[in-house]
Amino acid sequence: MGYVVRYGRQIEVETIQLPPRPRPKAFEPRFVQVPRHWISALGRSNSVNTYRLALLILFAAFKNKQRNGEVTLSTAMTGMPRNTKVRAARELADLGLIQLRGCETGALRARIISNKNKREYKN
């Protein structure tokens, strides 16, 4: 207990502990726009996992816009086994939607190919 003086009178003051403030939530977009050429390309795919991976890549690319458009396809991010993820990523690359890097070693990295200019992705 402490005391303060107001207008010549001593007032008893009790110090209380405030609960810690909750941390602000990380940015989570509620929706992602799907480009029209992705819709037509994904229509040629027969795999649900390819479609799911495509949506996850678009979501991650939108969330991490400042990082050069490259998305690391980790197991934690996709929730898919490695062999399923690699097969779906290669199918997306064959459809001309993404370019892959790091297929042989380490985590896969994907870069979205713009519909306007399809440039080569350098390793």
Protein backbone atom coordinates (compact mmCIF):
# COMPACT_ATOMS: atom_id res chain seq x y z
CA MET A 1 0.00 0.00 0.00
CA GLY A 2 1.11 3.48 -0.77
CA TYR A 3 -0.12 6.99 -0.15
CA VAL A 4 -0.59 10.10 -2.26
CA VAL A 5 -1.37 13.60 -1.13
CA ARG A 6 -4.25 15.49 -2.73
CA TYR A 7 -5.32 18.94 -1.49
CA GLY A 8 -3.36 18.42 1.70
CA ARG A 9 -4.99 15.11 2.56
CA GLN A 10 -3.21 11.76 2.55
CA ILE A 11 -5.04 9.15 0.44
CA GLU A 12 -4.33 5.45 0.58
CA VAL A 13 -3.59 3.90 -2.86
CA GLU A 14 -3.62 0.22 -3.68
CA THR A 15 -1.47 -1.00 -6.58
CA ILE A 16 -3.11 -3.61 -8.78
CA GLN A 17 -1.58 -5.87 -11.40
CA LEU A 18 -3.23 -5.71 -14.81
CA PRO A 19 -3.36 -8.88 -16.87
CA PRO A 20 -0.96 -8.91 -19.83
CA ARG A 21 -2.39 -7.66 -23.09
CA PRO A 22 -3.10 -10.33 -25.67
CA ARG A 23 -0.78 -10.34 -28.66
CA PRO A 24 -2.33 -9.12 -31.89
CA LYS A 25 -3.24 -11.91 -34.29
CA ALA A 26 -1.15 -12.49 -37.37
CA PHE A 27 -2.56 -11.33 -40.67
CA GLU A 28 -4.95 -13.97 -42.01
CA PRO A 29 -6.72 -13.06 -45.23
CA ARG A 30 -10.30 -14.24 -45.42
CA PHE A 31 -10.28 -14.86 -49.17
CA VAL A 32 -7.93 -15.02 -52.13
CA GLN A 33 -8.75 -14.19 -55.72
CA VAL A 34 -8.16 -17.01 -58.19
CA PRO A 35 -7.00 -15.90 -61.65
CA ARG A 36 -9.17 -17.01 -64.55
CA HIS A 37 -6.34 -18.82 -66.33
CA TRP A 38 -5.76 -20.86 -63.15
CA ILE A 39 -9.40 -21.96 -63.16
CA SER A 40 -9.21 -23.16 -66.76
CA ALA A 41 -5.83 -24.87 -66.19
CA LEU A 42 -7.00 -26.57 -63.00
CA GLY A 43 -10.04 -27.86 -64.90
CA ARG A 44 -7.64 -30.10 -66.85
CA SER A 45 -6.35 -31.70 -63.63
CA ASN A 46 -7.89 -34.90 -62.27
CA SER A 47 -6.39 -34.61 -58.79
CA VAL A 48 -8.02 -32.99 -55.80
CA ASN A 49 -4.61 -32.55 -54.16
CA THR A 50 -3.37 -30.54 -57.15
CA TYR A 51 -6.34 -28.20 -56.81
CA ARG A 52 -5.81 -27.96 -53.04
CA LEU A 53 -2.10 -27.22 -53.42
CA ALA A 54 -2.87 -24.53 -56.02
CA LEU A 55 -5.21 -22.76 -53.61
CA LEU A 56 -2.67 -23.02 -50.78
CA ILE A 57 0.04 -21.53 -53.03
CA LEU A 58 -2.22 -18.61 -53.98
CA PHE A 59 -3.09 -18.06 -50.33
CA ALA A 60 0.56 -18.09 -49.19
CA ALA A 61 1.67 -15.85 -52.08
CA PHE A 62 -1.02 -13.31 -51.19
CA LYS A 63 -0.07 -13.43 -47.52
CA ASN A 64 3.67 -13.00 -48.22
CA LYS A 65 3.53 -10.45 -51.03
CA GLN A 66 6.72 -8.69 -49.98
CA ARG A 67 8.87 -11.78 -50.54
CA ASN A 68 9.44 -11.88 -54.26
CA GLY A 69 6.43 -14.11 -54.96
CA GLU A 70 8.27 -17.26 -53.85
CA VAL A 71 6.45 -19.72 -51.62
CA THR A 72 8.13 -22.52 -49.66
CA LEU A 73 5.98 -25.64 -49.81
CA SER A 74 6.70 -27.10 -46.39
CA THR A 75 4.78 -30.02 -44.94
CA ALA A 76 3.53 -27.77 -42.14
CA MET A 77 2.14 -25.26 -44.65
CA THR A 78 0.49 -27.78 -46.97
CA GLY A 79 -0.44 -30.58 -44.58
CA MET A 80 0.34 -33.11 -47.34
CA PRO A 81 2.81 -35.98 -47.43
CA ARG A 82 5.98 -35.17 -49.40
CA ASN A 83 5.31 -37.51 -52.32
CA THR A 84 1.77 -36.16 -52.81
CA LYS A 85 3.01 -32.59 -52.55
CA VAL A 86 5.80 -33.16 -55.10
CA ARG A 87 3.45 -34.87 -57.57
CA ALA A 88 0.85 -32.11 -57.26
CA ALA A 89 3.51 -29.38 -57.58
CA ARG A 90 4.95 -31.00 -60.72
CA GLU A 91 1.46 -31.18 -62.20
CA LEU A 92 0.97 -27.46 -61.49
CA ALA A 93 4.31 -26.79 -63.16
CA ASP A 94 3.25 -28.88 -66.19
CA LEU A 95 0.03 -26.87 -66.39
CA GLY A 96 2.16 -23.71 -66.58
CA LEU A 97 0.91 -22.13 -63.36
CA ILE A 98 4.07 -22.24 -61.23
CA GLN A 99 7.81 -22.70 -61.57
CA LEU A 100 9.55 -25.05 -59.14
CA ARG A 101 12.92 -24.88 -57.48
CA GLY A 102 14.65 -27.25 -55.06
CA CYS A 103 13.01 -30.47 -56.24
CA GLU A 104 16.08 -32.65 -55.63
CA THR A 105 17.12 -31.41 -52.20
CA GLY A 106 15.45 -29.50 -49.42
CA ALA A 107 12.00 -27.96 -49.43
CA LEU A 108 10.20 -27.21 -52.65
CA ARG A 109 9.85 -23.56 -53.59
CA ALA A 110 7.25 -22.36 -56.03
CA ARG A 111 6.87 -19.08 -57.87
CA ILE A 112 3.61 -18.12 -59.53
CA ILE A 113 3.93 -17.52 -63.25
CA SER A 114 2.16 -14.39 -64.37
CA ASN A 115 -0.27 -14.87 -67.24
CA LYS A 116 1.05 -11.74 -68.96
CA ASN A 117 4.71 -12.64 -69.01
CA LYS A 118 5.95 -16.17 -68.57
CA ARG A 119 9.61 -15.70 -67.70
CA GLU A 120 12.19 -18.34 -66.88
CA TYR A 121 12.83 -18.97 -63.20
CA LYS A 122 16.57 -19.09 -62.48
CA ASN A 123 17.94 -21.44 -59.81
